[in-house]
Amino acid sequence: MLGSHRRWPLLLLLLLAAGFENFWLWGDDRLLFGVPINLAYHVGLCLVGALLLAVVVRWGWPHDLDR
C-alpha cells in the first residue's frame, strides 16, 4: 500500500492533466504577449508540467543509485 506521502505526485499530475481541458478559453480571441490567450495558457501549463515532473523525479529518485 502506498503511503500518503507517495500519492501527492500522482494527484498533482492528474490535476495538471485535467487543466489541459480548458473549455473556458475556446472562443476567446484576446492576445497575451502577442499570442492567442489559449496558446499562452498551454505554454504556461507545459512549463508548470515540466517543473512539476522535475520536482517529482528529484524527490522520488532513490539516493543510493547515484553512488
Protein backbone atom coordinates (compact mmCIF):
# COMPACT_ATOMS: atom_id res chain seq x y z
CA MET A 1 0.00 0.00 0.00
CA LEU A 2 1.30 3.43 -0.90
CA GLY A 3 1.69 5.93 1.89
CA SER A 4 0.00 9.29 1.60
CA HIS A 5 3.38 10.96 1.01
CA ARG A 6 3.76 8.92 -2.19
CA ARG A 7 0.32 9.83 -3.56
CA TRP A 8 0.79 13.60 -3.85
CA PRO A 9 2.83 13.47 -7.09
CA LEU A 10 0.17 11.37 -8.80
CA LEU A 11 -2.60 13.67 -7.62
CA LEU A 12 -0.73 16.76 -8.81
CA LEU A 13 -0.04 15.18 -12.20
CA LEU A 14 -3.69 14.21 -12.59
CA LEU A 15 -4.76 17.72 -11.68
CA LEU A 16 -2.30 19.10 -14.22
CA ALA A 17 -3.66 16.75 -16.90
CA ALA A 18 -7.20 17.91 -16.12
CA GLY A 19 -6.01 21.51 -16.56
CA PHE A 20 -5.31 20.87 -20.25
CA GLU A 21 -9.06 20.63 -20.87
CA ASN A 22 -9.61 24.37 -20.87
CA PHE A 23 -13.04 24.72 -22.41
CA TRP A 24 -13.38 28.19 -20.88
CA LEU A 25 -10.92 29.73 -23.40
CA TRP A 26 -12.20 28.17 -26.64
CA GLY A 27 -14.00 31.21 -28.00
CA ASP A 28 -11.63 33.83 -26.59
CA ASP A 29 -9.75 35.87 -29.21
CA ARG A 30 -7.74 38.03 -26.81
CA LEU A 31 -3.97 38.25 -27.14
CA LEU A 32 -1.46 37.86 -24.34
CA PHE A 33 2.12 38.89 -25.14
CA GLY A 34 1.20 38.85 -28.83
CA VAL A 35 -0.12 35.28 -28.95
CA PRO A 36 -3.66 33.96 -28.52
CA ILE A 37 -4.55 33.52 -24.89
CA ASN A 38 -5.32 29.83 -25.38
CA LEU A 39 -1.78 29.23 -26.68
CA ALA A 40 -0.26 31.28 -23.85
CA TYR A 41 -2.28 29.22 -21.36
CA HIS A 42 -0.95 25.96 -22.80
CA VAL A 43 2.64 27.24 -22.86
CA GLY A 44 2.32 28.16 -19.18
CA LEU A 45 0.76 24.82 -18.39
CA CYS A 46 3.60 22.99 -20.17
CA LEU A 47 6.19 24.96 -18.19
CA VAL A 48 4.39 24.13 -14.93
CA GLY A 49 4.24 20.47 -16.01
CA ALA A 50 7.96 20.35 -16.77
CA LEU A 51 8.75 21.92 -13.41
CA LEU A 52 6.40 19.53 -11.61
CA LEU A 53 7.93 16.49 -13.31
CA ALA A 54 11.44 17.70 -12.44
CA VAL A 55 10.43 18.07 -8.79
CA VAL A 56 8.77 14.64 -8.75
CA VAL A 57 11.84 12.96 -10.28
CA ARG A 58 14.20 14.76 -7.90
CA TRP A 59 12.04 13.86 -4.92
CA GLY A 60 11.35 10.27 -5.94
CA TRP A 61 14.78 9.26 -7.28
CA PRO A 62 16.49 6.71 -5.00
CA HIS A 63 19.61 8.28 -3.45
CA ASP A 64 21.63 5.06 -3.46
CA LEU A 65 21.57 4.78 -7.29
CA ASP A 66 23.85 7.79 -7.67
CA ARG A 67 26.74 6.12 -5.85
